[in-house]
Amino acid sequence: MSAPLVWLPFDPERLGEPPSGLRYEVVDPTEHVPDSVAEVEFYVPPYQVGRRVGEVLPRMSALKVVQTMTAGVDNVRAYVPEGVLLCNGRGIHDTSTAELAVTLTLSSLRGVPGFVRAQDRGEWDAQWRPALADKQVLLVGYGAIGEAIDARLRPFEVDVVRVARSARAGVHGIDELPALLPGADVVILILPLTEATRGLVDREFLDRMKDAALLVNVARGPVVDTDALVAALHSGRISAALDVVDPEPLPGGHPLWSAPNLLLTPHVGGASSAMWSRAHRLVRDQLRRFAAGEPLANVMTGEY
């Protein structure tokens, strides 16, 4: 009886010591699907999970586990066959995404995009800008990445208000958002995309935000109603910093490109040097558990 087959998107040597008792193949199904597709029991898709990745999953008749390298699984969940464990990349992107969330917040408040444009024009454009200090920051989505953002915000002398799906000690329930929004100077979104959160940030949500508040989205683009946000930005009442948008990638000529009071980054929250060491560590530990017949971590149940 042959050892269980594992498909990886990278050289197994990057795991340091690949767990024994397993066979490894390096496969990118967007380029080529080997005949061994029917033997795969443990599959780690490429970081960029596209349509071709979803299409190959039903062909894996021996599949037992799909281990993503993304925290969100909304782009792959529908393709995972019934009875197959889906595990997300919880822990891989906490550091990178938290760094970007704080970077977007500070850059927006302190006017860094405007200073860069002035530099390009050769202009010395000194301005008085708001600080992050003394602000109330509303963290909407208090999971692992939310906790990492919280830890990086504390030294900035802010009041952090935490929101999760369900209330617990020190954390408000998402049903309390309408009452919390008017007091927040900065609203950071870091919640999963589900049917309950799709379009959560609509016109009513934006209308409840206080004047001059900043919306930061490092979650998923469809969490925000794009048309409502464009209208709010043009009103001049709020500003935004987005690492994710809807649609994505943002097509040429889209209203967000020219919207005022907006800082955009192209979905790079997890794309930093901090990602790969953490991805390799998680995959190695999951494979060790799999080979030993132990329960896996990060198993997704329901919509979360």
Protein backbone atom coordinates (compact mmCIF):
# COMPACT_ATOMS: atom_id res chain seq x y z
CA MET A 1 0.00 0.00 0.00
CA SER A 2 1.51 3.32 -1.10
CA ALA A 3 1.86 6.33 1.21
CA PRO A 4 -0.81 9.06 1.05
CA LEU A 5 -0.17 11.59 -1.73
CA VAL A 6 0.19 15.29 -0.94
CA TRP A 7 0.05 18.05 -3.54
CA LEU A 8 1.98 21.19 -2.59
CA PRO A 9 2.38 24.49 -4.46
CA PHE A 10 6.03 24.71 -3.34
CA ASP A 11 9.08 22.45 -2.92
CA PRO A 12 8.52 20.20 0.13
CA GLU A 13 12.08 20.99 1.22
CA ARG A 14 10.75 24.40 2.22
CA LEU A 15 8.95 22.67 5.06
CA GLY A 16 12.33 22.14 6.68
CA GLU A 17 11.72 18.51 7.55
CA PRO A 18 8.77 17.21 5.49
CA PRO A 19 6.79 14.77 7.64
CA SER A 20 7.63 11.16 6.79
CA GLY A 21 5.14 8.56 5.64
CA LEU A 22 3.76 10.80 2.88
CA ARG A 23 4.44 11.19 -0.85
CA TYR A 24 4.87 14.70 -2.20
CA GLU A 25 4.28 16.26 -5.60
CA VAL A 26 4.65 19.94 -6.50
CA VAL A 27 1.62 20.86 -8.62
CA ASP A 28 0.08 24.05 -9.95
CA PRO A 29 -3.25 22.98 -11.49
CA THR A 30 -3.52 26.26 -13.37
CA GLU A 31 -0.58 25.06 -15.49
CA HIS A 32 -0.93 21.26 -15.55
CA VAL A 33 -3.01 18.56 -13.85
CA PRO A 34 -1.04 15.27 -13.51
CA ASP A 35 -2.68 11.85 -13.81
CA SER A 36 -2.11 11.42 -10.07
CA VAL A 37 -5.05 13.77 -9.43
CA ALA A 38 -7.22 10.80 -8.39
CA GLU A 39 -4.68 9.77 -5.72
CA VAL A 40 -4.37 13.08 -3.86
CA GLU A 41 -5.43 12.87 -0.22
CA PHE A 42 -4.05 16.15 1.12
CA TYR A 43 -4.10 19.24 -1.10
CA VAL A 44 -2.53 22.64 -0.50
CA PRO A 45 -3.73 24.99 -3.29
CA PRO A 46 -1.64 27.90 -4.58
CA TYR A 47 -1.91 31.11 -2.59
CA GLN A 48 -3.95 32.71 -5.37
CA VAL A 49 -6.96 30.41 -5.45
CA GLY A 50 -8.64 30.90 -8.82
CA ARG A 51 -11.35 29.19 -10.83
CA ARG A 52 -8.98 26.50 -12.18
CA VAL A 53 -8.19 25.40 -8.62
CA GLY A 54 -11.88 24.98 -7.84
CA GLU A 55 -12.44 22.99 -11.02
CA VAL A 56 -9.79 20.40 -10.18
CA LEU A 57 -11.14 19.55 -6.71
CA PRO A 58 -14.02 17.29 -7.87
CA ARG A 59 -11.47 15.20 -9.78
CA MET A 60 -9.66 14.31 -6.54
CA SER A 61 -11.64 11.18 -5.72
CA ALA A 62 -9.36 10.21 -2.80
CA LEU A 63 -9.25 13.70 -1.30
CA LYS A 64 -9.50 14.02 2.47
CA VAL A 65 -8.11 17.50 3.28
CA VAL A 66 -7.87 20.88 1.57
CA GLN A 67 -5.49 23.22 3.41
CA THR A 68 -5.60 26.78 2.10
CA MET A 69 -2.89 29.38 2.63
CA THR A 70 -5.53 32.09 2.93
CA ALA A 71 -7.44 33.09 6.04
CA GLY A 72 -10.66 33.48 4.05
CA VAL A 73 -12.08 30.42 2.27
CA ASP A 74 -14.98 32.09 0.45
CA ASN A 75 -13.29 31.59 -2.93
CA VAL A 76 -12.87 27.81 -2.53
CA ARG A 77 -15.53 26.58 -0.09
CA ALA A 78 -18.21 25.92 -2.73
CA TYR A 79 -15.88 23.59 -4.66
CA VAL A 80 -14.80 21.38 -1.76
CA PRO A 81 -16.56 17.98 -2.04
CA GLU A 82 -18.80 16.84 0.79
CA GLY A 83 -16.93 14.90 3.44
CA VAL A 84 -13.60 16.61 2.73
CA LEU A 85 -12.06 18.66 5.56
CA LEU A 86 -11.44 22.30 4.69
CA CYS A 87 -8.76 24.01 6.80
CA ASN A 88 -7.89 27.67 6.48
CA GLY A 89 -4.60 29.52 6.86
CA ARG A 90 -5.34 31.01 10.26
CA GLY A 91 -2.07 32.40 11.63
CA ILE A 92 -0.31 32.80 8.29
CA HIS A 93 -1.38 36.36 7.57
CA ASP A 94 -1.94 37.82 11.03
CA THR A 95 1.33 39.73 11.08
CA SER A 96 1.29 40.95 7.47
CA THR A 97 -2.34 42.02 7.46
CA ALA A 98 -2.12 43.71 10.85
CA GLU A 99 0.90 45.70 9.67
CA LEU A 100 -0.97 46.84 6.57
CA ALA A 101 -4.10 47.77 8.53
CA VAL A 102 -2.04 50.05 10.77
CA THR A 103 -0.09 51.39 7.76
CA LEU A 104 -3.29 52.30 5.91
CA THR A 105 -4.73 53.94 9.01
CA LEU A 106 -1.66 56.04 9.74
CA SER A 107 -1.04 56.92 6.08
CA SER A 108 -4.62 58.10 5.61
CA LEU A 109 -4.82 60.11 8.81
CA ARG A 110 -1.43 61.77 8.33
CA GLY A 111 -2.01 62.51 4.63
CA VAL A 112 0.91 60.46 3.27
CA PRO A 113 -0.64 59.97 -0.21
CA GLY A 114 -0.94 63.74 -0.62
CA PHE A 115 2.66 64.27 0.49
CA VAL A 116 3.88 61.67 -2.03
CA ARG A 117 2.01 63.44 -4.83
CA ALA A 118 3.46 66.77 -3.70
CA GLN A 119 6.93 65.22 -3.76
CA ASP A 120 6.32 64.06 -7.34
CA ARG A 121 5.43 67.66 -8.22
CA GLY A 122 8.41 69.04 -6.35
CA GLU A 123 6.19 70.97 -3.93
CA TRP A 124 6.77 71.60 -0.20
CA ASP A 125 3.15 71.23 0.96
CA ALA A 126 3.16 71.37 4.78
CA GLN A 127 -0.18 70.50 6.40
CA TRP A 128 -1.72 70.05 9.82
CA ARG A 129 -3.15 66.51 9.97
CA PRO A 130 -5.04 64.42 12.56
CA ALA A 131 -3.07 61.94 14.65
CA LEU A 132 -4.08 58.39 15.47
CA ALA A 133 -3.48 59.10 19.15
CA ASP A 134 -6.60 59.76 21.23
CA LYS A 135 -8.88 58.27 18.57
CA GLN A 136 -11.49 55.56 19.11
CA VAL A 137 -10.83 52.61 16.79
CA LEU A 138 -13.65 50.16 16.11
CA LEU A 139 -12.33 46.71 15.13
CA VAL A 140 -15.09 44.87 13.29
CA GLY A 141 -14.13 41.20 13.24
CA TYR A 142 -12.17 40.15 16.31
CA GLY A 143 -10.55 36.89 15.29
CA ALA A 144 -6.84 36.10 15.06
CA ILE A 145 -6.03 38.96 12.67
CA GLY A 146 -8.23 41.33 14.65
CA GLU A 147 -6.26 40.46 17.78
CA ALA A 148 -2.99 41.09 15.90
CA ILE A 149 -4.23 44.51 14.78
CA ASP A 150 -5.33 45.28 18.34
CA ALA A 151 -1.86 44.44 19.69
CA ARG A 152 -0.22 46.84 17.23
CA LEU A 153 -2.70 49.63 17.94
CA ARG A 154 -2.24 49.70 21.71
CA PRO A 155 1.07 51.67 21.70
CA PHE A 156 -0.64 54.46 19.71
CA GLU A 157 -2.69 55.64 22.70
CA VAL A 158 -6.05 54.78 21.21
CA ASP A 159 -9.32 53.46 22.60
CA VAL A 160 -9.97 50.13 20.86
CA VAL A 161 -13.55 48.87 20.72
CA ARG A 162 -13.81 45.24 19.64
CA VAL A 163 -16.68 43.62 17.72
CA ALA A 164 -17.17 39.95 16.83
CA ARG A 165 -20.02 37.77 15.61
CA SER A 166 -21.01 37.04 19.21
CA ALA A 167 -20.42 39.09 22.34
CA ARG A 168 -17.95 37.89 24.98
CA ALA A 169 -15.87 39.48 27.71
CA GLY A 170 -14.36 42.68 26.33
CA VAL A 171 -15.90 42.14 22.89
CA HIS A 172 -19.22 43.48 21.59
CA GLY A 173 -21.59 41.46 19.41
CA ILE A 174 -22.04 42.54 15.80
CA ASP A 175 -25.67 43.37 16.57
CA GLU A 176 -24.36 46.32 18.61
CA LEU A 177 -22.72 47.99 15.60
CA PRO A 178 -25.47 50.60 15.01
CA ALA A 179 -24.91 51.99 18.51
CA LEU A 180 -21.10 51.81 18.30
CA LEU A 181 -20.49 53.39 14.90
CA PRO A 182 -21.28 57.03 15.82
CA GLY A 183 -18.49 57.06 18.42
CA ALA A 184 -15.71 55.64 16.23
CA ASP A 185 -13.04 57.78 14.57
CA VAL A 186 -11.60 54.79 12.69
CA VAL A 187 -13.51 51.66 11.64
CA ILE A 188 -11.32 48.69 10.62
CA LEU A 189 -13.03 45.77 8.87
CA ILE A 190 -11.40 42.35 9.28
CA LEU A 191 -14.32 39.92 9.22
CA PRO A 192 -14.95 36.93 6.93
CA LEU A 193 -17.17 37.17 3.86
CA THR A 194 -20.39 35.25 4.51
CA GLU A 195 -23.99 35.73 3.49
CA ALA A 196 -24.46 37.62 6.76
CA THR A 197 -21.54 40.01 6.17
CA ARG A 198 -21.95 40.58 2.42
CA GLY A 199 -22.98 44.22 1.98
CA LEU A 200 -22.77 44.83 5.74
CA VAL A 201 -21.26 48.26 5.11
CA ASP A 202 -24.18 49.81 3.27
CA ARG A 203 -25.54 53.34 3.12
CA GLU A 204 -27.10 53.06 6.57
CA PHE A 205 -23.80 51.82 8.06
CA LEU A 206 -21.88 54.68 6.43
CA ASP A 207 -24.49 57.25 7.49
CA ARG A 208 -24.01 56.17 11.11
CA MET A 209 -20.26 56.82 10.97
CA LYS A 210 -19.24 60.14 12.53
CA ASP A 211 -18.10 63.07 10.41
CA ALA A 212 -14.42 62.80 9.34
CA ALA A 213 -14.28 59.11 10.31
CA LEU A 214 -11.99 56.73 8.41
CA LEU A 215 -13.11 53.34 7.06
CA VAL A 216 -10.32 50.76 6.59
CA ASN A 217 -11.13 47.48 4.81
CA VAL A 218 -8.61 44.63 5.02
CA ALA A 219 -11.35 41.97 4.97
CA ARG A 220 -13.10 41.24 1.66
CA GLY A 221 -14.37 43.70 -0.94
CA PRO A 222 -18.03 42.56 -0.99
CA VAL A 223 -18.36 43.30 2.73
CA VAL A 224 -18.75 46.91 1.54
CA ASP A 225 -21.45 48.20 -0.82
CA THR A 226 -19.19 49.88 -3.39
CA ASP A 227 -21.81 52.28 -4.75
CA ALA A 228 -22.73 53.44 -1.25
CA LEU A 229 -19.07 53.99 -0.40
CA VAL A 230 -18.38 55.97 -3.57
CA ALA A 231 -21.32 58.24 -2.74
CA ALA A 232 -20.12 58.70 0.84
CA LEU A 233 -16.59 59.57 -0.31
CA HIS A 234 -17.86 62.15 -2.77
CA SER A 235 -19.93 63.72 0.00
CA GLY A 236 -16.64 64.51 1.77
CA ARG A 237 -18.05 63.37 5.09
CA ILE A 238 -15.80 60.31 5.54
CA SER A 239 -12.58 58.90 4.09
CA ALA A 240 -11.49 55.34 3.36
CA ALA A 241 -8.45 53.13 2.91
CA LEU A 242 -9.08 49.88 1.07
CA ASP A 243 -6.88 46.86 0.47
CA VAL A 244 -9.83 44.94 -0.97
CA VAL A 245 -12.58 46.11 -3.31
CA ASP A 246 -15.61 44.86 -5.21
CA PRO A 247 -15.09 44.12 -8.07
CA GLU A 248 -11.52 42.86 -7.85
CA PRO A 249 -9.20 43.52 -9.51
CA LEU A 250 -10.58 47.01 -9.97
CA PRO A 251 -11.17 47.60 -13.70
CA GLY A 252 -9.95 50.71 -15.49
CA GLY A 253 -12.35 53.62 -15.32
CA HIS A 254 -14.08 52.36 -12.19
CA PRO A 255 -15.42 55.21 -9.97
CA LEU A 256 -13.20 54.15 -7.06
CA TRP A 257 -10.06 55.12 -9.00
CA SER A 258 -11.10 58.77 -9.01
CA ALA A 259 -13.02 58.88 -5.72
CA PRO A 260 -11.79 61.59 -3.32
CA ASN A 261 -10.56 60.88 0.21
CA LEU A 262 -9.51 57.35 -0.71
CA LEU A 263 -6.28 55.34 -0.39
CA LEU A 264 -6.14 52.07 -2.38
CA THR A 265 -3.75 49.12 -2.20
CA PRO A 266 -4.17 46.07 -4.51
CA HIS A 267 -5.09 43.30 -2.02
CA VAL A 268 -1.60 42.93 -0.57
CA GLY A 269 -2.53 42.40 3.09
CA GLY A 270 -0.86 39.00 3.25
CA ALA A 271 1.80 39.59 0.61
CA SER A 272 4.91 40.26 2.65
CA SER A 273 8.09 38.49 3.70
CA ALA A 274 6.30 37.41 6.90
CA MET A 275 3.93 35.12 4.99
CA TRP A 276 6.01 32.20 3.77
CA SER A 277 7.76 31.19 6.98
CA ARG A 278 4.37 31.07 8.71
CA ALA A 279 2.75 29.22 5.79
CA HIS A 280 5.47 26.58 5.76
CA ARG A 281 5.21 26.15 9.53
CA LEU A 282 1.42 25.69 9.43
CA VAL A 283 1.48 23.26 6.50
CA ARG A 284 4.28 21.22 8.10
CA ASP A 285 2.34 20.94 11.36
CA GLN A 286 -0.88 19.99 9.57
CA LEU A 287 0.91 17.31 7.54
CA ARG A 288 2.51 15.92 10.69
CA ARG A 289 -0.93 15.69 12.28
CA PHE A 290 -2.38 14.10 9.14
CA ALA A 291 0.39 11.50 8.91
CA ALA A 292 -0.04 10.64 12.60
CA GLY A 293 -3.83 10.40 12.37
CA GLU A 294 -4.27 13.32 14.77
CA PRO A 295 -7.04 15.95 14.58
CA LEU A 296 -6.18 18.87 12.29
CA ALA A 297 -6.19 22.55 13.26
CA ASN A 298 -8.15 25.35 11.58
CA VAL A 299 -11.00 23.10 10.44
CA MET A 300 -13.76 25.25 8.98
CA THR A 301 -17.33 24.54 10.05
CA GLY A 302 -20.44 26.36 8.92
CA GLU A 303 -19.69 29.72 7.31
CA TYR A 304 -16.77 30.48 9.67
